PDB file of N, CA and C in Angstrom:
ATOM      1  N   MET A   1      10.675  10.791   5.688  1.00  0.00           N
ATOM      2  CA  MET A   1      10.794  10.432   4.197  1.00  0.00           C
ATOM      3  C   MET A   1      12.078  10.697   3.709  1.00  0.00           C
ATOM      4  N   ASN A   2      12.261   9.922   2.396  1.00  0.00           N
ATOM      5  CA  ASN A   2      13.730   9.782   1.442  1.00  0.00           C
ATOM      6  C   ASN A   2      13.093  10.435   0.121  1.00  0.00           C
ATOM      7  N   ALA A   3      14.054  12.202  -0.080  1.00  0.00           N
ATOM      8  CA  ALA A   3      13.484  12.755  -1.509  1.00  0.00           C
ATOM      9  C   ALA A   3      12.961  11.694  -2.547  1.00  0.00           C
ATOM     10  N   VAL A   4      14.638  10.669  -3.125  1.00  0.00           N
ATOM     11  CA  VAL A   4      14.311  10.098  -3.566  1.00  0.00           C
ATOM     12  C   VAL A   4      12.567   8.999  -4.043  1.00  0.00           C
ATOM     13  N   PHE A   5      12.145   8.966  -2.905  1.00  0.00           N
ATOM     14  CA  PHE A   5      10.845   8.450  -2.573  1.00  0.00           C
ATOM     15  C   PHE A   5       9.093   8.741  -2.831  1.00  0.00           C
ATOM     16  N   THR A   6       9.978  10.262  -2.292  1.00  0.00           N
ATOM     17  CA  THR A   6       8.855  11.208  -2.586  1.00  0.00           C
ATOM     18  C   THR A   6       8.460  11.782  -4.269  1.00  0.00           C
ATOM     19  N   ILE A   7       9.625  10.965  -5.059  1.00  0.00           N
ATOM     20  CA  ILE A   7       9.078  12.241  -6.113  1.00  0.00           C
ATOM     21  C   ILE A   7       8.723  10.980  -6.920  1.00  0.00           C
ATOM     22  N   LEU A   8       8.912   9.473  -6.320  1.00  0.00           N
ATOM     23  CA  LEU A   8       8.935   8.431  -7.541  1.00  0.00           C
ATOM     24  C   LEU A   8       7.235   8.195  -6.982  1.00  0.00           C
ATOM     25  N   THR A   9       6.579   8.682  -5.606  1.00  0.00           N
ATOM     26  CA  THR A   9       5.749   8.306  -5.291  1.00  0.00           C
ATOM     27  C   THR A   9       4.859  10.118  -5.718  1.00  0.00           C
ATOM     28  N   VAL A  10       5.401  10.388  -6.262  1.00  0.00           N
ATOM     29  CA  VAL A  10       4.407  11.810  -7.598  1.00  0.00           C
ATOM     30  C   VAL A  10       4.468  11.366  -8.432  1.00  0.00           C
ATOM     31  N   LEU A  11       5.693  10.918  -8.963  1.00  0.00           N
ATOM     32  CA  LEU A  11       5.706  10.089 -10.509  1.00  0.00           C
ATOM     33  C   LEU A  11       4.397   8.855 -10.809  1.00  0.00           C
ATOM     34  N   ILE A  12       4.408   8.227  -9.396  1.00  0.00           N
ATOM     35  CA  ILE A  12       3.534   7.445 -10.128  1.00  0.00           C
ATOM     36  C   ILE A  12       2.226   7.663 -10.029  1.00  0.00           C
ATOM     37  N   ILE A  13       1.509   8.655  -9.058  1.00  0.00           N
ATOM     38  CA  ILE A  13       0.289   9.756  -9.255  1.00  0.00           C
ATOM     39  C   ILE A  13       0.159   9.906 -10.821  1.00  0.00           C
ATOM     40  N   ILE A  14       0.867  10.342 -11.073  1.00  0.00           N
ATOM     41  CA  ILE A  14       0.899  10.791 -12.871  1.00  0.00           C
ATOM     42  C   ILE A  14      -0.125   9.741 -12.996  1.00  0.00           C
ATOM     43  N   ALA A  15       1.102   8.739 -13.004  1.00  0.00           N
ATOM     44  CA  ALA A  15       0.988   8.269 -14.033  1.00  0.00           C
ATOM     45  C   ALA A  15      -0.235   7.561 -13.812  1.00  0.00           C
ATOM     46  N   ALA A  16      -0.528   7.067 -12.828  1.00  0.00           N
ATOM     47  CA  ALA A  16      -1.372   6.526 -12.466  1.00  0.00           C
ATOM     48  C   ALA A  16      -3.336   7.358 -12.649  1.00  0.00           C
ATOM     49  N   ILE A  17      -3.164   8.714 -13.104  1.00  0.00           N
ATOM     50  CA  ILE A  17      -4.402   9.586 -13.512  1.00  0.00           C
ATOM     51  C   ILE A  17      -3.829   9.034 -14.729  1.00  0.00           C
ATOM     52  N   LEU A  18      -2.817   9.838 -15.353  1.00  0.00           N
ATOM     53  CA  LEU A  18      -3.114   9.331 -17.180  1.00  0.00           C
ATOM     54  C   LEU A  18      -3.667   8.202 -17.653  1.00  0.00           C
ATOM     55  N   LEU A  19      -3.306   6.760 -16.015  1.00  0.00           N
ATOM     56  CA  LEU A  19      -3.899   5.943 -17.078  1.00  0.00           C
ATOM     57  C   LEU A  19      -5.230   5.659 -17.081  1.00  0.00           C
ATOM     58  N   ILE A  20      -6.335   6.509 -15.664  1.00  0.00           N
ATOM     59  CA  ILE A  20      -7.552   7.141 -15.377  1.00  0.00           C
ATOM     60  C   ILE A  20      -7.923   7.422 -17.341  1.00  0.00           C
ATOM     61  N   VAL A  21      -7.333   7.995 -17.498  1.00  0.00           N
ATOM     62  CA  VAL A  21      -7.518   8.995 -18.454  1.00  0.00           C
ATOM     63  C   VAL A  21      -7.849   8.964 -19.719  1.00  0.00           C
ATOM     64  N   VAL A  22      -6.802   7.940 -19.769  1.00  0.00           N
ATOM     65  CA  VAL A  22      -6.372   6.595 -21.407  1.00  0.00           C
ATOM     66  C   VAL A  22      -7.024   5.605 -21.127  1.00  0.00           C
ATOM     67  N   VAL A  23      -7.613   5.231 -20.151  1.00  0.00           N
ATOM     68  CA  VAL A  23      -8.946   3.772 -19.941  1.00  0.00           C
ATOM     69  C   VAL A  23      -9.832   4.292 -20.496  1.00  0.00           C
ATOM     70  N   LEU A  24     -10.213   5.707 -19.669  1.00  0.00           N
ATOM     71  CA  LEU A  24     -11.764   6.344 -19.985  1.00  0.00           C
ATOM     72  C   LEU A  24     -12.094   6.726 -21.656  1.00  0.00           C
ATOM     73  N   LEU A  25     -10.583   6.797 -22.077  1.00  0.00           N
ATOM     74  CA  LEU A  25     -10.642   7.458 -23.609  1.00  0.00           C
ATOM     75  C   LEU A  25     -10.943   5.752 -25.031  1.00  0.00           C
ATOM     76  N   GLN A  26     -10.246   4.394 -24.290  1.00  0.00           N
ATOM     77  CA  GLN A  26     -10.705   3.718 -24.835  1.00  0.00           C
ATOM     78  C   GLN A  26     -12.343   2.865 -25.275  1.00  0.00           C
ATOM     79  N   ASN A  27     -12.002   2.203 -26.306  1.00  0.00           N
ATOM     80  CA  ASN A  27     -13.383   2.029 -26.753  1.00  0.00           C
ATOM     81  C   ASN A  27     -13.782   0.961 -26.150  1.00  0.00           C
ATOM     82  N   GLY A  28     -15.065   0.733 -24.993  1.00  0.00           N
ATOM     83  CA  GLY A  28     -15.881  -0.354 -24.731  1.00  0.00           C
ATOM     84  C   GLY A  28     -16.556  -1.265 -25.643  1.00  0.00           C
ATOM     85  N   LYS A  29     -17.344  -2.321 -24.865  1.00  0.00           N
ATOM     86  CA  LYS A  29     -18.170  -2.860 -25.589  1.00  0.00           C
ATOM     87  C   LYS A  29     -19.447  -1.667 -25.755  1.00  0.00           C
ATOM     88  N   GLY A  30     -19.226  -0.427 -25.204  1.00  0.00           N
ATOM     89  CA  GLY A  30     -20.586   0.847 -25.535  1.00  0.00           C
ATOM     90  C   GLY A  30     -19.137   1.507 -26.393  1.00  0.00           C
ATOM     91  N   GLU A  31     -19.985   2.703 -26.892  1.00  0.00           N
ATOM     92  CA  GLU A  31     -19.289   3.721 -27.657  1.00  0.00           C
ATOM     93  C   GLU A  31     -18.206   4.310 -26.020  1.00  0.00           C
ATOM     94  N   GLY A  32     -16.858   4.404 -26.232  1.00  0.00           N
ATOM     95  CA  GLY A  32     -16.826   5.261 -25.015  1.00  0.00           C
ATOM     96  C   GLY A  32     -15.953   6.542 -26.080  1.00  0.00           C
ATOM     97  N   LEU A  33     -15.532   7.214 -24.986  1.00  0.00           N
ATOM     98  CA  LEU A  33     -15.191   9.150 -25.031  1.00  0.00           C
ATOM     99  C   LEU A  33     -13.858   9.214 -26.522  1.00  0.00           C
ATOM    100  N   ALA A  34     -13.657   8.607 -27.177  1.00  0.00           N
ATOM    101  CA  ALA A  34     -12.304   8.040 -28.155  1.00  0.00           C
ATOM    102  C   ALA A  34     -13.161   8.626 -29.308  1.00  0.00           C
ATOM    103  N   SER A  35     -15.028   8.040 -28.970  1.00  0.00           N
ATOM    104  CA  SER A  35     -15.124   8.299 -30.356  1.00  0.00           C
ATOM    105  C   SER A  35     -15.637   9.607 -30.663  1.00  0.00           C
ATOM    106  N   ASN A  36     -15.578  10.568 -29.637  1.00  0.00           N
ATOM    107  CA  ASN A  36     -16.011  11.905 -29.681  1.00  0.00           C
ATOM    108  C   ASN A  36     -14.701  12.551 -30.317  1.00  0.00           C
ATOM    109  N   PHE A  37     -13.463  11.968 -29.638  1.00  0.00           N
ATOM    110  CA  PHE A  37     -12.091  12.098 -30.020  1.00  0.00           C
ATOM    111  C   PHE A  37     -12.077  11.485 -31.871  1.00  0.00           C
ATOM    112  N   VAL A  38     -12.084  10.993 -32.435  1.00  0.00           N
ATOM    113  CA  VAL A  38     -11.907  10.199 -33.541  1.00  0.00           C
ATOM    114  C   VAL A  38     -12.572  10.727 -34.846  1.00  0.00           C
ATOM    115  N   ALA A  39     -13.836  11.324 -34.204  1.00  0.00           N
ATOM    116  CA  ALA A  39     -15.276  11.340 -35.173  1.00  0.00           C
ATOM    117  C   ALA A  39     -14.583  12.781 -35.892  1.00  0.00           C
ATOM    118  N   GLY A  40     -14.127  13.532 -35.739  1.00  0.00           N
ATOM    119  CA  GLY A  40     -13.207  14.951 -35.497  1.00  0.00           C
ATOM    120  C   GLY A  40     -11.978  14.485 -36.209  1.00  0.00           C
ATOM    121  N   ASN A  41     -10.978  14.102 -36.417  1.00  0.00           N
ATOM    122  CA  ASN A  41     -10.472  13.851 -36.712  1.00  0.00           C
ATOM    123  C   ASN A  41     -10.347  12.559 -37.414  1.00  0.00           C
ATOM    124  N   GLN A  42     -10.324  11.654 -38.625  1.00  0.00           N
ATOM    125  CA  GLN A  42      -9.894  11.034 -39.136  1.00  0.00           C
ATOM    126  C   GLN A  42      -8.463  10.628 -39.643  1.00  0.00           C
ATOM    127  N   THR A  43      -7.338  11.388 -39.451  1.00  0.00           N
ATOM    128  CA  THR A  43      -5.874  11.324 -39.917  1.00  0.00           C
ATOM    129  C   THR A  43      -5.629   9.559 -39.835  1.00  0.00           C
ATOM    130  N   PHE A  44      -5.672   9.374 -38.482  1.00  0.00           N
ATOM    131  CA  PHE A  44      -5.486   8.353 -37.363  1.00  0.00           C
ATOM    132  C   PHE A  44      -6.403   7.109 -38.486  1.00  0.00           C
ATOM    133  N   GLY A  45      -7.474   7.335 -38.097  1.00  0.00           N
ATOM    134  CA  GLY A  45      -8.489   6.391 -38.051  1.00  0.00           C
ATOM    135  C   GLY A  45      -8.604   5.628 -37.144  1.00  0.00           C
ATOM    136  N   VAL A  46      -9.956   4.979 -36.674  1.00  0.00           N
ATOM    137  CA  VAL A  46     -10.957   4.726 -35.785  1.00  0.00           C
ATOM    138  C   VAL A  46      -9.850   3.192 -35.297  1.00  0.00           C
ATOM    139  N   ARG A  47      -9.024   2.134 -35.764  1.00  0.00           N
ATOM    140  CA  ARG A  47      -8.264   0.980 -35.811  1.00  0.00           C
ATOM    141  C   ARG A  47      -7.245   1.508 -35.085  1.00  0.00           C
ATOM    142  N   GLN A  48      -6.220   2.659 -35.484  1.00  0.00           N
ATOM    143  CA  GLN A  48      -4.931   3.172 -35.317  1.00  0.00           C
ATOM    144  C   GLN A  48      -5.079   3.929 -33.610  1.00  0.00           C
ATOM    145  N   THR A  49      -6.050   4.896 -33.377  1.00  0.00           N
ATOM    146  CA  THR A  49      -5.991   5.605 -32.467  1.00  0.00           C
ATOM    147  C   THR A  49      -6.224   4.028 -31.441  1.00  0.00           C
ATOM    148  N   ALA A  50      -6.979   2.998 -31.776  1.00  0.00           N
ATOM    149  CA  ALA A  50      -7.422   2.355 -30.177  1.00  0.00           C
ATOM    150  C   ALA A  50      -6.148   1.548 -30.483  1.00  0.00           C
ATOM    151  N   ASP A  51      -5.367   1.329 -31.314  1.00  0.00           N
ATOM    152  CA  ASP A  51      -3.868   0.859 -30.985  1.00  0.00           C
ATOM    153  C   ASP A  51      -2.888   1.470 -30.099  1.00  0.00           C
ATOM    154  N   ILE A  52      -3.160   3.271 -30.973  1.00  0.00           N
ATOM    155  CA  ILE A  52      -2.104   3.949 -30.118  1.00  0.00           C
ATOM    156  C   ILE A  52      -2.754   3.981 -28.822  1.00  0.00           C
ATOM    157  N   LEU A  53      -3.870   3.692 -27.822  1.00  0.00           N
ATOM    158  CA  LEU A  53      -4.383   4.000 -26.366  1.00  0.00           C
ATOM    159  C   LEU A  53      -4.322   2.898 -25.942  1.00  0.00           C
ATOM    160  N   GLU A  54      -4.191   1.905 -26.926  1.00  0.00           N
ATOM    161  CA  GLU A  54      -4.005   0.087 -25.815  1.00  0.00           C
ATOM    162  C   GLU A  54      -2.104   0.555 -25.850  1.00  0.00           C
ATOM    163  N   LYS A  55      -1.401   1.302 -26.443  1.00  0.00           N
ATOM    164  CA  LYS A  55       0.050   1.152 -26.223  1.00  0.00           C
ATOM    165  C   LYS A  55       0.274   1.885 -25.084  1.00  0.00           C
ATOM    166  N   ILE A  56      -0.542   3.009 -25.016  1.00  0.00           N
ATOM    167  CA  ILE A  56      -0.245   4.067 -24.052  1.00  0.00           C
ATOM    168  C   ILE A  56      -0.550   3.152 -22.190  1.00  0.00           C
ATOM    169  N   THR A  57      -1.236   2.758 -22.841  1.00  0.00           N
ATOM    170  CA  THR A  57      -1.947   1.748 -21.668  1.00  0.00           C
ATOM    171  C   THR A  57      -0.941   1.346 -20.571  1.00  0.00           C
ATOM    172  N   TRP A  58      -0.698   0.307 -21.668  1.00  0.00           N
ATOM    173  CA  TRP A  58       1.030  -0.867 -21.028  1.00  0.00           C
ATOM    174  C   TRP A  58       1.837   0.109 -20.706  1.00  0.00           C
ATOM    175  N   GLY A  59       2.157   0.575 -21.738  1.00  0.00           N
ATOM    176  CA  GLY A  59       3.693   1.612 -21.105  1.00  0.00           C
ATOM    177  C   GLY A  59       3.243   1.765 -19.985  1.00  0.00           C
ATOM    178  N   LEU A  60       2.164   2.935 -19.686  1.00  0.00           N
ATOM    179  CA  LEU A  60       2.002   3.496 -18.102  1.00  0.00           C
ATOM    180  C   LEU A  60       1.278   2.149 -16.672  1.00  0.00           C
ATOM    181  N   VAL A  61       0.910   0.747 -17.620  1.00  0.00           N
ATOM    182  CA  VAL A  61       1.298   0.256 -16.547  1.00  0.00           C
ATOM    183  C   VAL A  61       2.263  -0.517 -16.318  1.00  0.00           C
ATOM    184  N   ALA A  62       3.312  -0.717 -17.091  1.00  0.00           N
ATOM    185  CA  ALA A  62       4.675  -0.968 -16.411  1.00  0.00           C
ATOM    186  C   ALA A  62       5.158  -0.201 -15.549  1.00  0.00           C
ATOM    187  N   PHE A  63       5.312   1.472 -16.398  1.00  0.00           N
ATOM    188  CA  PHE A  63       5.976   2.463 -15.789  1.00  0.00           C
ATOM    189  C   PHE A  63       5.343   2.336 -14.355  1.00  0.00           C
ATOM    190  N   ILE A  64       4.043   2.186 -14.039  1.00  0.00           N
ATOM    191  CA  ILE A  64       3.860   2.342 -12.363  1.00  0.00           C
ATOM    192  C   ILE A  64       4.562   0.895 -12.159  1.00  0.00           C
ATOM    193  N   ILE A  65       4.157  -0.138 -12.781  1.00  0.00           N
ATOM    194  CA  ILE A  65       4.805  -1.117 -11.812  1.00  0.00           C
ATOM    195  C   ILE A  65       6.793  -0.949 -11.554  1.00  0.00           C
ATOM    196  N   VAL A  66       7.233  -0.747 -12.351  1.00  0.00           N
ATOM    197  CA  VAL A  66       8.963  -0.357 -11.742  1.00  0.00           C
ATOM    198  C   VAL A  66       9.437   0.866 -11.539  1.00  0.00           C
ATOM    199  N   LEU A  67       8.260   1.874 -10.793  1.00  0.00           N
ATOM    200  CA  LEU A  67       8.368   2.228 -10.439  1.00  0.00           C
ATOM    201  C   LEU A  67       8.809   2.292  -8.912  1.00  0.00           C
ATOM    202  N   SER A  68       7.416   1.062  -8.342  1.00  0.00           N
ATOM    203  CA  SER A  68       6.927   0.915  -7.890  1.00  0.00           C
ATOM    204  C   SER A  68       8.129  -0.368  -7.026  1.00  0.00           C
ATOM    205  N   VAL A  69       8.510  -0.991  -7.804  1.00  0.00           N
ATOM    206  CA  VAL A  69       9.597  -1.761  -7.368  1.00  0.00           C
ATOM    207  C   VAL A  69      11.040  -0.868  -6.967  1.00  0.00           C
ATOM    208  N   ILE A  70      11.144   0.405  -7.592  1.00  0.00           N
ATOM    209  CA  ILE A  70      12.388   0.997  -7.777  1.00  0.00           C
ATOM    210  C   ILE A  70      12.045   2.038  -6.328  1.00  0.00           C
ATOM    211  N   ALA A  71      10.436   2.089  -6.332  1.00  0.00           N
ATOM    212  CA  ALA A  71      10.205   3.081  -4.986  1.00  0.00           C
ATOM    213  C   ALA A  71      10.135   1.692  -3.890  1.00  0.00           C
ATOM    214  N   SER A  72       9.667   0.862  -3.319  1.00  0.00           N
ATOM    215  CA  SER A  72      10.338  -0.098  -2.422  1.00  0.00           C
ATOM    216  C   SER A  72      11.599  -0.145  -2.061  1.00  0.00           C
ATOM    217  N   PHE A  73      12.727  -0.209  -2.804  1.00  0.00           N
ATOM    218  CA  PHE A  73      14.284  -0.321  -2.121  1.00  0.00           C
ATOM    219  C   PHE A  73      14.598   0.428  -1.834  1.00  0.00           C
ATOM    220  N   THR A  74      13.946   1.772  -2.189  1.00  0.00           N
ATOM    221  CA  THR A  74      14.192   3.001  -1.642  1.00  0.00           C
ATOM    222  C   THR A  74      14.255   3.631  -0.454  1.00  0.00           C
ATOM    223  N   THR A  75      13.023   2.802   0.470  1.00  0.00           N
ATOM    224  CA  THR A  75      12.275   2.798   1.617  1.00  0.00           C
ATOM    225  C   THR A  75      13.054   2.899   2.417  1.00  0.00           C
ATOM    226  N   GLY A  76      14.138   1.630   2.227  1.00  0.00           N
ATOM    227  CA  GLY A  76      14.994   0.874   3.583  1.00  0.00           C
ATOM    228  C   GLY A  76      15.157   1.087   4.296  1.00  0.00           C
ATOM    229  N   THR A  77      15.619   0.402   5.831  1.00  0.00           N
ATOM    230  CA  THR A  77      15.475   0.623   7.092  1.00  0.00           C
ATOM    231  C   THR A  77      15.819   1.562   7.917  1.00  0.00           C
ATOM    232  N   ASN A  78      16.586   2.678   7.107  1.00  0.00           N
ATOM    233  CA  ASN A  78      17.570   2.798   8.082  1.00  0.00           C
ATOM    234  C   ASN A  78      18.313   3.221   8.368  1.00  0.00           C
ATOM    235  N   GLY A  79      18.991   2.011   8.200  1.00  0.00           N
ATOM    236  CA  GLY A  79      20.120   1.023   9.383  1.00  0.00           C
ATOM    237  C   GLY A  79      19.893  -0.321  10.800  1.00  0.00           C
ATOM    238  N   ALA A  80      17.885   0.075  10.864  1.00  0.00           N
ATOM    239  CA  ALA A  80      17.519  -0.656  11.757  1.00  0.00           C
ATOM    240  C   ALA A  80      17.055  -1.998  11.483  1.00  0.00           C
ATOM    241  N   ASP A  81      17.985  -2.792  12.516  1.00  0.00           N
ATOM    242  CA  ASP A  81      17.339  -3.882  11.854  1.00  0.00           C
ATOM    243  C   ASP A  81      16.748  -4.413  13.753  1.00  0.00           C
ATOM    244  N   VAL A  82      15.591  -4.372  12.944  1.00  0.00           N
ATOM    245  CA  VAL A  82      14.238  -4.361  13.615  1.00  0.00           C
ATOM    246  C   VAL A  82      13.836  -5.873  13.514  1.00  0.00           C
ATOM    247  N   ASP A  83      13.107  -7.049  14.715  1.00  0.00           N
ATOM    248  CA  ASP A  83      12.051  -8.233  14.202  1.00  0.00           C
ATOM    249  C   ASP A  83      11.669  -7.633  15.264  1.00  0.00           C
ATOM    250  N   VAL A  84      10.061  -7.604  14.850  1.00  0.00           N
ATOM    251  CA  VAL A  84       9.008  -8.035  14.996  1.00  0.00           C
ATOM    252  C   VAL A  84       8.474  -8.747  16.085  1.00  0.00           C
ATOM    253  N   THR A  85       8.975 -10.320  15.983  1.00  0.00           N
ATOM    254  CA  THR A  85       9.247 -10.597  16.973  1.00  0.00           C
ATOM    255  C   THR A  85       9.919 -10.104  18.072  1.00  0.00           C
ATOM    256  N   ASN A  86      10.385  -9.891  17.912  1.00  0.00           N
ATOM    257  CA  ASN A  86      11.137  -9.238  19.686  1.00  0.00           C
ATOM    258  C   ASN A  86      10.184  -8.175  20.505  1.00  0.00           C
ATOM    259  N   LYS A  87       9.913  -7.139  19.786  1.00  0.00           N
ATOM    260  CA  LYS A  87       8.936  -6.585  20.397  1.00  0.00           C
ATOM    261  C   LYS A  87       7.419  -6.714  21.010  1.00  0.00           C
ATOM    262  N   ILE A  88       7.223  -7.952  19.959  1.00  0.00           N
ATOM    263  CA  ILE A  88       6.469  -8.858  20.540  1.00  0.00           C
ATOM    264  C   ILE A  88       6.474  -9.662  21.875  1.00  0.00           C
ATOM    265  N   GLU A  89       7.473  -9.944  22.012  1.00  0.00           N
ATOM    266  CA  GLU A  89       7.893 -10.751  23.476  1.00  0.00           C
ATOM    267  C   GLU A  89       8.199  -9.992  24.861  1.00  0.00           C
ATOM    268  N   ASN A  90       8.832  -8.470  24.404  1.00  0.00           N
ATOM    269  CA  ASN A  90       8.800  -7.335  25.098  1.00  0.00           C
ATOM    270  C   ASN A  90       8.323  -6.819  25.934  1.00  0.00           C
ATOM    271  N   VAL A  91       6.557  -6.784  24.357  1.00  0.00           N
ATOM    272  CA  VAL A  91       5.087  -6.165  25.159  1.00  0.00           C
ATOM    273  C   VAL A  91       5.124  -6.952  26.213  1.00  0.00           C
ATOM    274  N   ASN A  92       4.856  -8.357  25.530  1.00  0.00           N
ATOM    275  CA  ASN A  92       4.391  -9.562  26.535  1.00  0.00           C
ATOM    276  C   ASN A  92       4.673  -9.262  28.187  1.00  0.00           C
ATOM    277  N   GLU A  93       6.415  -9.124  28.168  1.00  0.00           N
ATOM    278  CA  GLU A  93       6.769  -9.364  29.404  1.00  0.00           C
ATOM    279  C   GLU A  93       6.419  -8.121  30.158  1.00  0.00           C
ATOM    280  N   ASN A  94       6.201  -6.739  29.768  1.00  0.00           N
ATOM    281  CA  ASN A  94       6.369  -5.712  30.602  1.00  0.00           C
ATOM    282  C   ASN A  94       4.610  -5.369  30.778  1.00  0.00           C
ATOM    283  N   ALA A  95       3.843  -6.074  30.099  1.00  0.00           N
ATOM    284  CA  ALA A  95       2.442  -5.537  30.396  1.00  0.00           C
ATOM    285  C   ALA A  95       2.258  -6.244  31.017  1.00  0.00           C
ATOM    286  N   GLN A  96       0.646  -5.881  32.037  1.00  0.00           N
ATOM    287  CA  GLN A  96      -0.033  -6.141  33.028  1.00  0.00           C
ATOM    288  C   GLN A  96      -0.798  -7.022  32.560  1.00  0.00           C
ATOM    289  N   PRO A  97      -1.469  -7.999  33.477  1.00  0.00           N
ATOM    290  CA  PRO A  97      -2.464  -8.607  33.202  1.00  0.00           C
ATOM    291  C   PRO A  97      -3.662  -7.906  33.377  1.00  0.00           C
ATOM    292  N   ALA A  98      -4.537  -8.257  32.346  1.00  0.00           N
ATOM    293  CA  ALA A  98      -6.222  -8.256  32.273  1.00  0.00           C
ATOM    294  C   ALA A  98      -6.666  -8.183  33.607  1.00  0.00           C
ATOM    295  N   PHE A  99      -6.648  -9.206  34.582  1.00  0.00           N
ATOM    296  CA  PHE A  99      -7.198  -9.256  35.368  1.00  0.00           C
ATOM    297  C   PHE A  99      -6.332  -9.661  36.035  1.00  0.00           C
ATOM    298  N   PRO A 100      -6.025  -8.853  37.000  1.00  0.00           N
ATOM    299  CA  PRO A 100      -4.802  -9.293  38.675  1.00  0.00           C
ATOM    300  C   PRO A 100      -5.300  -9.803  39.214  1.00  0.00           C
ATOM    301  N   THR A 101      -4.580 -10.876  39.430  1.00  0.00           N
ATOM    302  CA  THR A 101      -4.991 -11.515  40.743  1.00  0.00           C
ATOM    303  C   THR A 101      -4.840 -11.251  42.046  1.00  0.00           C
ATOM    304  N   ALA A 102      -5.588 -11.565  42.793  1.00  0.00           N
ATOM    305  CA  ALA A 102      -5.850 -11.092  44.762  1.00  0.00           C
ATOM    306  C   ALA A 102      -4.853 -11.334  45.635  1.00  0.00           C
ATOM    307  N   PRO A 103      -3.958 -10.788  46.205  1.00  0.00           N
ATOM    308  CA  PRO A 103      -2.423 -10.957  46.734  1.00  0.00           C
ATOM    309  C   PRO A 103      -3.131 -12.708  47.946  1.00  0.00           C
ATOM    310  N   ILE A 104      -2.260 -13.460  47.853  1.00  0.00           N
ATOM    311  CA  ILE A 104      -2.683 -14.959  48.351  1.00  0.00           C
ATOM    312  C   ILE A 104      -2.831 -14.265  50.058  1.00  0.00           C
ATOM    313  N   GLN A 105      -3.719 -15.103  50.410  1.00  0.00           N
ATOM    314  CA  GLN A 105      -3.621 -14.614  52.532  1.00  0.00           C
ATOM    315  C   GLN A 105      -3.231 -15.730  53.245  1.00  0.00           C
ATOM    316  N   GLN A 106      -2.252 -15.288  53.858  1.00  0.00           N
ATOM    317  CA  GLN A 106      -1.573 -16.396  54.839  1.00  0.00           C
ATOM    318  C   GLN A 106      -2.588 -16.269  55.771  1.00  0.00           C
ATOM    319  N   GLU A 107      -3.041 -18.004  56.339  1.00  0.00           N
ATOM    320  CA  GLU A 107      -3.317 -17.860  56.699  1.00  0.00           C
ATOM    321  C   GLU A 107      -2.757 -17.623  58.454  1.00  0.00           C
ATOM    322  N   ALA A 108      -3.779 -16.389  59.483  1.00  0.00           N
ATOM    323  CA  ALA A 108      -2.634 -15.887  60.859  1.00  0.00           C
ATOM    324  C   ALA A 108      -2.589 -17.421  62.006  1.00  0.00           C
ATOM    325  N   PRO A 109      -1.888 -17.305  62.724  1.00  0.00           N
ATOM    326  CA  PRO A 109      -2.107 -17.882  63.493  1.00  0.00           C
ATOM    327  C   PRO A 109      -2.859 -18.496  64.507  1.00  0.00           C
ATOM    328  N   SER A 110      -3.175 -19.501  64.869  1.00  0.00           N
ATOM    329  CA  SER A 110      -4.743 -19.469  65.635  1.00  0.00           C
ATOM    330  C   SER A 110      -3.831 -19.237  66.713  1.00  0.00           C
ATOM    331  N   THR A 111      -4.748 -18.214  68.605  1.00  0.00           N
ATOM    332  CA  THR A 111      -4.105 -17.895  69.033  1.00  0.00           C
ATOM    333  C   THR A 111      -4.765 -19.250  70.365  1.00  0.00           C
ATOM    334  N   GLU A 112      -5.800 -19.828  69.890  1.00  0.00           N
ATOM    335  CA  GLU A 112      -6.082 -21.501  70.438  1.00  0.00           C
ATOM    336  C   GLU A 112      -5.238 -21.912  71.363  1.00  0.00           C
ATOM    337  N   SER A 113      -5.232 -22.572  72.047  1.00  0.00           N
ATOM    338  CA  SER A 113      -3.551 -23.516  73.136  1.00  0.00           C
ATOM    339  C   SER A 113      -4.629 -24.841  72.003  1.00  0.00           C
ATOM    340  N   ALA A 114      -3.557 -25.672  71.806  1.00  0.00           N
ATOM    341  CA  ALA A 114      -3.227 -26.925  71.819  1.00  0.00           C
ATOM    342  C   ALA A 114      -3.800 -27.375  72.963  1.00  0.00           C
ATOM    343  N   GLU A 115      -4.885 -28.787  72.798  1.00  0.00           N
ATOM    344  CA  GLU A 115      -4.893 -29.671  73.950  1.00  0.00           C
ATOM    345  C   GLU A 115      -4.444 -31.004  73.904  1.00  0.00           C
TER     346      GLU A 115
END
């Protein structure tokens, strides 16, 4: 594996974990985990906390998408031009049949004299 791909994968995993935490902190239809944090600290207010969490959520989503696209380009093919259809055709040519046919039996010449 490529070192850049590994680093990008680790960053995507970290961003995904942060995204899970931020989504759980948001207020849903019921009271979310954010209500526990907002109750003790009213400096931002409830609405501003929700706005910040929403912006962080969208930022993490965009970050994951961008890193995923970049990671897909870093994998590369290592110069190997592989066509899947060629592999399938080669397998079919070399494969033995599932039910081999019996050899054709030739009739032995009869020993009776023709009269």
